[in-house]
Amino acid sequence: MPNCTYLSKEEKSAPGHKAGKERLTLLFGANASSDLKLKPLLVYLAENPRAFKGIFKSQLPVIWKSNKKAWVTLMVFEDWFNDHFVPAVERYLSSKGLPFKVLLVLDNALGHPSNLSNMHPNVKVVYLPLNTTSLIQLMDQGVIANFKAYYLRRTIRSALRAIEGNKELTLKQFWKGYNIADAVRNIAKLLASHGEELSAEDLLELEQQMIEEELEVPDPKPRSLTVKGLSEGFTHLEGAWASFEGEDPNVARFDKIRRGIMDLVTFYKETLKEKQVKKSVQSRLDTFFHKSPVPPPTPSPEVVTIPDPPVLPGPSVAACPPLADLDVASSEPKSVDTTTMTSPTPSDSQAPASSTP
């Protein structure tokens, strides 16, 4: 199980329970036309696990082998080649009316013997070049990756189904009880569900499902040491020291442990100081400049034209020159003719007339 799943996190945090380190290795094989799928070889840590009590290994959907590290060793592979691969391929070719001539393509792994071509005259073995497994190994072109994905999905689905069916069962309890027998049953159901060839509709549905899963998985955010993160870490650490100091009656022991741990986190402490100094020295360029207020635009000068005064009825008067135009921008009147204007003096019997400006 991958470490990022909720099941694995629950397993690691379960009190009184060690995280499971059980591993198993599966060996897959098929022909080019994919109408022959070999029975998988399963290598586990123990030969007779307790979970298989009362179960015959010959009835399992896999070929059972054991190794202390669950590896495919030279001896295990030779036994699989002679006792399982050759008979299975010979029966298949006989059912098709084909001669028994086989080309076996293997990757260049340490567990694959180099003398397999000498073990059977009708089987020729070709080994792929080194460091090319992920590129041209036929089983790596989606077969192994899809099997692991379906295995993980079925396992999590089994956990959810068990919890929903039994309200008293917790996820921790389910994961404690998950053993190699459950894993083999999971593998058997996967093999049974993929026994038939996929139709065109199945392939389209599988492709769409894989696209949706890729879209749902976010890219992991790159990690980096920041001032905020380091400061929070040391804040939590100081809180822990306060708790331990209040509980430990041996002051010398507490000081020794504290000095030892602080020596281990020296790198983080120095990194925090460097980042704090760098942050205080580096300032933004715009802090050295201040924005000046933009003055309002100056209105364009306007020329005001004063119309000529109306001529009022009355006695005739001397001609009056027109008023001078005013320069509004400079507020200074233009030169004006100062010639004295006279008008006839009215007689005593005549009413005075309105003066002309």
Protein backbone atom coordinates (compact mmCIF):
# COMPACT_ATOMS: atom_id res chain seq x y z
CA MET A 1 0.00 0.00 0.00
CA PRO A 2 1.37 3.47 -0.79
CA ASN A 3 2.31 5.64 2.16
CA CYS A 4 0.00 8.48 1.13
CA THR A 5 -3.23 6.51 1.52
CA TYR A 6 -5.48 7.03 4.51
CA LEU A 7 -5.28 3.31 5.33
CA SER A 8 -1.51 3.41 5.72
CA LYS A 9 -1.62 6.56 7.87
CA GLU A 10 -4.22 4.98 10.13
CA GLU A 11 -2.11 1.84 10.37
CA LYS A 12 1.01 3.76 11.40
CA SER A 13 -0.82 5.76 14.07
CA ALA A 14 -2.68 2.79 15.56
CA PRO A 15 -1.60 2.29 19.21
CA GLY A 16 -0.01 -1.05 20.01
CA HIS A 17 0.22 -1.98 16.33
CA LYS A 18 3.25 -1.90 14.05
CA ALA A 19 2.84 -0.86 10.45
CA GLY A 20 2.65 -3.89 8.19
CA LYS A 21 5.79 -4.61 6.21
CA GLU A 22 4.45 -7.62 4.37
CA ARG A 23 5.35 -7.64 0.71
CA LEU A 24 4.60 -10.01 -2.10
CA THR A 25 5.93 -10.33 -5.64
CA LEU A 26 3.82 -11.29 -8.63
CA LEU A 27 5.19 -12.53 -11.94
CA PHE A 28 2.93 -11.94 -14.96
CA GLY A 29 3.19 -13.41 -18.44
CA ALA A 30 1.15 -13.49 -21.64
CA ASN A 31 1.54 -14.11 -25.34
CA ALA A 32 1.58 -11.45 -28.03
CA SER A 33 -2.03 -12.06 -29.06
CA SER A 34 -3.10 -11.87 -25.37
CA ASP A 35 -5.28 -14.99 -25.57
CA LEU A 36 -2.93 -16.84 -23.22
CA LYS A 37 -2.50 -15.37 -19.74
CA LEU A 38 -0.17 -17.39 -17.57
CA LYS A 39 -1.10 -18.21 -14.00
CA PRO A 40 0.74 -15.61 -11.89
CA LEU A 41 3.66 -16.64 -9.74
CA LEU A 42 3.37 -15.27 -6.18
CA VAL A 43 6.39 -15.11 -3.88
CA TYR A 44 5.68 -14.41 -0.19
CA LEU A 45 7.75 -14.22 2.99
CA ALA A 46 6.48 -17.45 4.58
CA GLU A 47 5.84 -20.87 3.13
CA ASN A 48 2.87 -21.68 5.39
CA PRO A 49 1.28 -18.49 6.71
CA ARG A 50 -1.24 -18.74 9.52
CA ALA A 51 -3.94 -17.17 7.38
CA PHE A 52 -3.90 -20.25 5.11
CA LYS A 53 -4.87 -22.67 7.85
CA GLY A 54 -7.14 -25.29 6.31
CA ILE A 55 -6.47 -24.04 2.75
CA PHE A 56 -4.54 -26.10 0.19
CA LYS A 57 -2.04 -23.97 -1.69
CA SER A 58 -2.59 -26.05 -4.81
CA GLN A 59 -6.12 -24.64 -4.97
CA LEU A 60 -4.97 -21.04 -4.94
CA PRO A 61 -5.35 -18.90 -8.09
CA VAL A 62 -1.57 -18.29 -8.03
CA ILE A 63 1.58 -20.39 -8.04
CA TRP A 64 2.75 -20.19 -4.42
CA LYS A 65 6.46 -19.79 -3.64
CA SER A 66 8.22 -18.41 -0.59
CA ASN A 67 11.37 -16.45 0.11
CA LYS A 68 12.54 -14.54 3.18
CA LYS A 69 12.53 -11.29 1.21
CA ALA A 70 9.70 -12.17 -1.17
CA TRP A 71 12.10 -12.05 -4.11
CA VAL A 72 12.16 -14.07 -7.32
CA THR A 73 15.46 -15.88 -6.97
CA LEU A 74 17.26 -18.01 -9.56
CA MET A 75 15.97 -21.20 -7.98
CA VAL A 76 12.39 -19.94 -7.84
CA PHE A 77 12.48 -18.84 -11.48
CA GLU A 78 13.98 -22.09 -12.73
CA ASP A 79 11.28 -24.04 -10.91
CA TRP A 80 8.59 -21.81 -12.44
CA PHE A 81 10.11 -22.17 -15.93
CA ASN A 82 10.36 -25.98 -15.92
CA ASP A 83 7.28 -26.94 -13.89
CA HIS A 84 4.76 -24.27 -14.92
CA PHE A 85 5.73 -22.18 -17.93
CA VAL A 86 6.74 -24.96 -20.31
CA PRO A 87 3.71 -27.23 -19.60
CA ALA A 88 1.23 -24.31 -19.82
CA VAL A 89 2.59 -23.08 -23.18
CA GLU A 90 2.76 -26.63 -24.58
CA ARG A 91 -0.92 -27.25 -23.72
CA TYR A 92 -1.93 -23.96 -25.32
CA LEU A 93 -0.07 -24.64 -28.59
CA SER A 94 -1.47 -28.18 -28.72
CA SER A 95 -5.03 -26.84 -28.41
CA LYS A 96 -4.37 -24.46 -31.31
CA GLY A 97 -2.75 -27.17 -33.48
CA LEU A 98 0.54 -25.28 -33.51
CA PRO A 99 4.06 -26.72 -33.19
CA PHE A 100 5.79 -26.34 -29.85
CA LYS A 101 8.21 -23.53 -30.64
CA VAL A 102 8.38 -20.64 -28.15
CA LEU A 103 10.23 -17.33 -27.97
CA LEU A 104 10.36 -16.07 -24.37
CA VAL A 105 11.23 -12.38 -23.89
CA LEU A 106 12.56 -11.45 -20.42
CA ASP A 107 14.02 -8.34 -18.89
CA ASN A 108 17.59 -8.53 -17.66
CA ALA A 109 16.84 -9.00 -13.94
CA LEU A 110 19.09 -10.70 -11.41
CA GLY A 111 16.50 -13.38 -10.74
CA HIS A 112 16.38 -14.52 -14.37
CA PRO A 113 18.97 -17.24 -15.11
CA SER A 114 21.21 -16.71 -18.13
CA ASN A 115 21.12 -20.38 -19.20
CA LEU A 116 17.37 -20.79 -19.75
CA SER A 117 17.81 -21.42 -23.47
CA ASN A 118 19.72 -24.62 -22.60
CA MET A 119 16.94 -25.97 -20.39
CA HIS A 120 14.49 -26.80 -23.19
CA PRO A 121 15.20 -27.31 -26.88
CA ASN A 122 11.90 -25.78 -28.04
CA VAL A 123 12.17 -22.58 -25.99
CA LYS A 124 14.45 -19.74 -27.05
CA VAL A 125 15.03 -16.98 -24.50
CA VAL A 126 15.87 -13.37 -25.43
CA TYR A 127 16.93 -10.86 -22.76
CA LEU A 128 16.22 -7.17 -23.10
CA PRO A 129 19.12 -4.70 -22.79
CA LEU A 130 19.94 -3.20 -19.41
CA ASN A 131 18.03 -0.15 -18.18
CA THR A 132 15.31 -0.49 -20.81
CA THR A 133 12.60 -2.22 -18.77
CA SER A 134 10.32 0.81 -18.51
CA LEU A 135 10.70 1.51 -22.23
CA ILE A 136 10.34 -1.81 -24.07
CA GLN A 137 9.39 -4.40 -21.44
CA LEU A 138 6.04 -5.69 -22.67
CA MET A 139 4.46 -6.18 -19.23
CA ASP A 140 5.41 -2.62 -18.30
CA GLN A 141 3.30 -1.17 -21.11
CA GLY A 142 0.29 -0.79 -18.82
CA VAL A 143 -0.29 -4.34 -17.56
CA ILE A 144 1.53 -4.07 -14.23
CA ALA A 145 0.49 -0.48 -13.57
CA ASN A 146 -3.19 -1.22 -14.25
CA PHE A 147 -3.11 -4.31 -12.04
CA LYS A 148 -1.65 -2.33 -9.11
CA ALA A 149 -4.25 0.41 -9.56
CA TYR A 150 -7.14 -2.06 -9.59
CA TYR A 151 -5.68 -3.91 -6.60
CA LEU A 152 -5.48 -0.71 -4.55
CA ARG A 153 -8.99 0.34 -5.54
CA ARG A 154 -10.49 -3.04 -4.66
CA THR A 155 -8.72 -3.07 -1.29
CA ILE A 156 -10.03 0.35 -0.30
CA ARG A 157 -13.49 -0.55 -1.57
CA SER A 158 -13.45 -3.69 0.60
CA ALA A 159 -12.54 -1.59 3.63
CA LEU A 160 -15.37 0.85 3.02
CA ARG A 161 -17.87 -1.94 2.44
CA ALA A 162 -16.85 -3.68 5.68
CA ILE A 163 -17.16 -0.46 7.72
CA GLU A 164 -20.54 0.41 6.23
CA GLY A 165 -21.86 -3.10 6.92
CA ASN A 166 -20.64 -3.14 10.53
CA LYS A 167 -21.01 0.17 12.34
CA GLU A 168 -18.88 -1.06 15.25
CA LEU A 169 -15.92 -1.90 12.99
CA THR A 170 -13.32 0.85 12.63
CA LEU A 171 -10.84 1.36 9.86
CA LYS A 172 -7.98 0.47 12.19
CA GLN A 173 -9.61 -2.81 13.11
CA PHE A 174 -10.19 -3.72 9.48
CA TRP A 175 -6.60 -2.93 8.56
CA LYS A 176 -5.24 -4.98 11.46
CA GLY A 177 -7.17 -7.98 10.23
CA TYR A 178 -6.14 -7.65 6.57
CA ASN A 179 -3.72 -10.52 5.81
CA ILE A 180 -2.14 -12.43 2.93
CA ALA A 181 -5.28 -14.54 2.46
CA ASP A 182 -7.31 -11.40 1.80
CA ALA A 183 -4.65 -10.23 -0.64
CA VAL A 184 -4.81 -13.51 -2.58
CA ARG A 185 -8.62 -13.34 -2.72
CA ASN A 186 -8.28 -9.80 -4.04
CA ILE A 187 -5.90 -11.01 -6.75
CA ALA A 188 -8.22 -13.89 -7.65
CA LYS A 189 -11.19 -11.55 -8.15
CA LEU A 190 -9.08 -9.29 -10.35
CA LEU A 191 -7.94 -12.20 -12.50
CA ALA A 192 -11.50 -13.49 -12.81
CA SER A 193 -12.89 -10.10 -13.78
CA HIS A 194 -10.26 -9.69 -16.50
CA GLY A 195 -10.48 -13.20 -17.88
CA GLU A 196 -12.34 -12.12 -21.00
CA GLU A 197 -11.05 -9.77 -23.65
CA LEU A 198 -12.25 -6.20 -23.41
CA SER A 199 -14.66 -4.91 -26.02
CA ALA A 200 -14.32 -1.59 -27.81
CA GLU A 201 -16.80 -0.02 -25.38
CA ASP A 202 -14.85 -1.36 -22.40
CA LEU A 203 -11.62 0.10 -23.76
CA LEU A 204 -13.22 3.51 -24.30
CA GLU A 205 -14.69 3.46 -20.80
CA LEU A 206 -11.33 2.46 -19.31
CA GLU A 207 -9.55 5.26 -21.20
CA GLN A 208 -12.09 7.84 -20.01
CA GLN A 209 -11.77 6.58 -16.45
CA MET A 210 -7.98 6.89 -16.54
CA ILE A 211 -8.25 10.46 -17.88
CA GLU A 212 -10.64 11.43 -15.07
CA GLU A 213 -8.33 9.92 -12.44
CA GLU A 214 -5.37 11.89 -13.82
CA LEU A 215 -7.40 15.09 -13.64
CA GLU A 216 -8.50 14.43 -10.07
CA VAL A 217 -4.99 13.90 -8.73
CA PRO A 218 -3.38 17.29 -8.05
CA ASP A 219 0.28 17.85 -8.61
CA PRO A 220 2.22 17.72 -5.40
CA LYS A 221 3.24 21.14 -4.17
CA PRO A 222 7.04 21.50 -4.17
CA ARG A 223 8.51 21.71 -0.69
CA SER A 224 10.75 24.57 0.39
CA LEU A 225 12.12 25.93 3.65
CA THR A 226 10.36 29.20 4.43
CA VAL A 227 10.68 31.68 7.28
CA LYS A 228 7.08 31.07 8.30
CA GLY A 229 7.38 27.28 8.32
CA LEU A 230 10.68 27.23 10.19
CA SER A 231 9.42 29.76 12.75
CA GLU A 232 6.30 27.69 13.41
CA GLY A 233 8.43 24.58 13.80
CA PHE A 234 10.65 26.16 16.44
CA THR A 235 7.58 27.56 18.20
CA HIS A 236 6.16 24.05 18.49
CA LEU A 237 9.56 22.79 19.61
CA GLU A 238 9.75 25.36 22.41
CA GLY A 239 6.28 24.32 23.53
CA ALA A 240 7.42 20.71 23.64
CA TRP A 241 10.45 21.65 25.73
CA ALA A 242 8.21 23.42 28.20
CA SER A 243 6.05 20.28 28.54
CA PHE A 244 9.03 17.95 29.02
CA GLU A 245 10.70 20.30 31.49
CA GLY A 246 7.58 20.39 33.61
CA GLU A 247 7.30 16.59 33.66
CA ASP A 248 10.94 15.48 34.05
CA PRO A 249 12.22 15.68 37.66
CA ASN A 250 15.82 15.16 36.49
CA VAL A 251 17.03 18.58 35.35
CA ALA A 252 20.43 17.33 34.16
CA ARG A 253 18.84 14.69 31.97
CA PHE A 254 16.45 17.23 30.47
CA ASP A 255 19.30 19.66 29.67
CA LYS A 256 21.35 16.90 28.05
CA ILE A 257 18.48 15.75 25.85
CA ARG A 258 17.62 19.29 24.89
CA ARG A 259 21.20 20.13 23.89
CA GLY A 260 21.44 16.95 21.85
CA ILE A 261 18.25 17.62 19.91
CA MET A 262 19.08 21.27 19.37
CA ASP A 263 22.41 20.20 17.89
CA LEU A 264 20.50 17.99 15.43
CA VAL A 265 18.33 20.88 14.24
CA THR A 266 21.26 23.30 13.85
CA PHE A 267 20.78 23.29 10.10
CA TYR A 268 17.19 24.51 10.40
CA LYS A 269 18.22 27.17 12.92
CA GLU A 270 20.98 28.54 10.68
CA THR A 271 18.71 28.43 7.65
CA LEU A 272 16.08 30.44 9.52
CA LYS A 273 18.64 33.10 10.51
CA GLU A 274 19.94 33.39 6.95
CA LYS A 275 16.45 33.79 5.54
CA GLN A 276 15.52 36.38 8.18
CA VAL A 277 18.66 38.44 7.46
CA LYS A 278 18.11 38.17 3.72
CA LYS A 279 14.51 39.23 4.10
CA SER A 280 15.45 42.29 6.19
CA VAL A 281 18.19 43.38 3.76
CA GLN A 282 16.25 42.94 0.58
CA SER A 283 13.61 45.59 0.21
CA ARG A 284 11.31 46.30 -2.59
CA LEU A 285 12.44 48.94 -5.03
CA ASP A 286 9.19 50.87 -4.82
CA THR A 287 9.80 51.61 -1.12
CA PHE A 288 12.43 54.16 -2.14
CA PHE A 289 10.02 56.17 -4.25
CA HIS A 290 6.94 58.15 -3.30
CA LYS A 291 4.15 59.00 -5.61
CA SER A 292 3.64 62.75 -6.08
CA PRO A 293 0.09 64.07 -6.37
CA VAL A 294 -0.87 64.86 -9.91
CA PRO A 295 -1.89 68.59 -10.20
CA PRO A 296 -5.27 69.28 -11.78
CA PRO A 297 -5.13 70.38 -15.41
CA THR A 298 -4.98 74.18 -16.02
CA PRO A 299 -8.09 75.41 -17.87
CA SER A 300 -7.53 77.02 -21.23
CA PRO A 301 -7.95 80.85 -21.27
CA GLU A 302 -11.25 82.07 -22.56
CA VAL A 303 -11.89 85.41 -24.31
CA VAL A 304 -15.00 87.19 -23.06
CA THR A 305 -16.62 89.49 -25.53
CA ILE A 306 -18.69 92.35 -24.06
CA PRO A 307 -21.35 93.50 -26.47
CA ASP A 308 -21.82 97.19 -27.31
CA PRO A 309 -24.26 99.02 -25.04
CA PRO A 310 -27.70 99.67 -26.47
CA VAL A 311 -28.47 103.17 -27.75
CA LEU A 312 -31.18 104.76 -25.65
CA PRO A 313 -33.60 107.29 -27.06
CA GLY A 314 -32.85 110.98 -26.20
CA PRO A 315 -31.09 114.00 -27.52
CA SER A 316 -28.31 113.49 -29.93
CA VAL A 317 -24.87 112.99 -28.41
CA ALA A 318 -21.41 112.96 -29.69
CA ALA A 319 -20.05 109.72 -31.04
CA CYS A 320 -18.60 107.41 -28.34
CA PRO A 321 -15.81 105.11 -29.16
CA PRO A 322 -16.48 101.42 -28.37
CA LEU A 323 -15.28 99.94 -25.14
CA ALA A 324 -11.92 98.33 -25.21
CA ASP A 325 -11.71 94.50 -25.11
CA LEU A 326 -10.40 93.03 -21.85
CA ASP A 327 -7.62 90.47 -21.75
CA VAL A 328 -8.94 87.96 -19.22
CA ALA A 329 -5.73 85.99 -18.95
CA SER A 330 -3.66 89.02 -17.86
CA SER A 331 -6.56 91.01 -16.23
CA GLU A 332 -5.09 94.22 -17.69
CA PRO A 333 -7.25 96.53 -19.91
CA LYS A 334 -5.94 97.48 -23.25
CA SER A 335 -5.15 101.15 -24.02
CA VAL A 336 -8.27 103.34 -24.11
CA ASP A 337 -8.70 106.69 -25.84
CA THR A 338 -9.21 109.27 -23.06
CA THR A 339 -10.68 112.03 -25.26
CA THR A 340 -13.31 114.04 -23.36
CA MET A 341 -16.81 113.45 -24.58
CA THR A 342 -19.28 116.42 -24.56
CA SER A 343 -22.97 116.66 -25.16
CA PRO A 344 -25.25 119.69 -25.76
CA THR A 345 -26.62 121.33 -22.63
CA PRO A 346 -30.35 120.92 -22.47
CA SER A 347 -32.59 123.94 -21.99
CA ASP A 348 -34.33 124.62 -18.73
CA SER A 349 -37.69 123.70 -20.14
CA GLN A 350 -36.48 120.28 -21.33
CA ALA A 351 -36.20 117.27 -19.00
CA PRO A 352 -32.75 115.86 -18.62
CA ALA A 353 -32.00 112.90 -20.81
CA SER A 354 -30.30 109.70 -19.73
CA SER A 355 -26.58 109.92 -20.01
CA THR A 356 -24.83 107.58 -22.37
CA PRO A 357 -22.08 105.48 -20.74
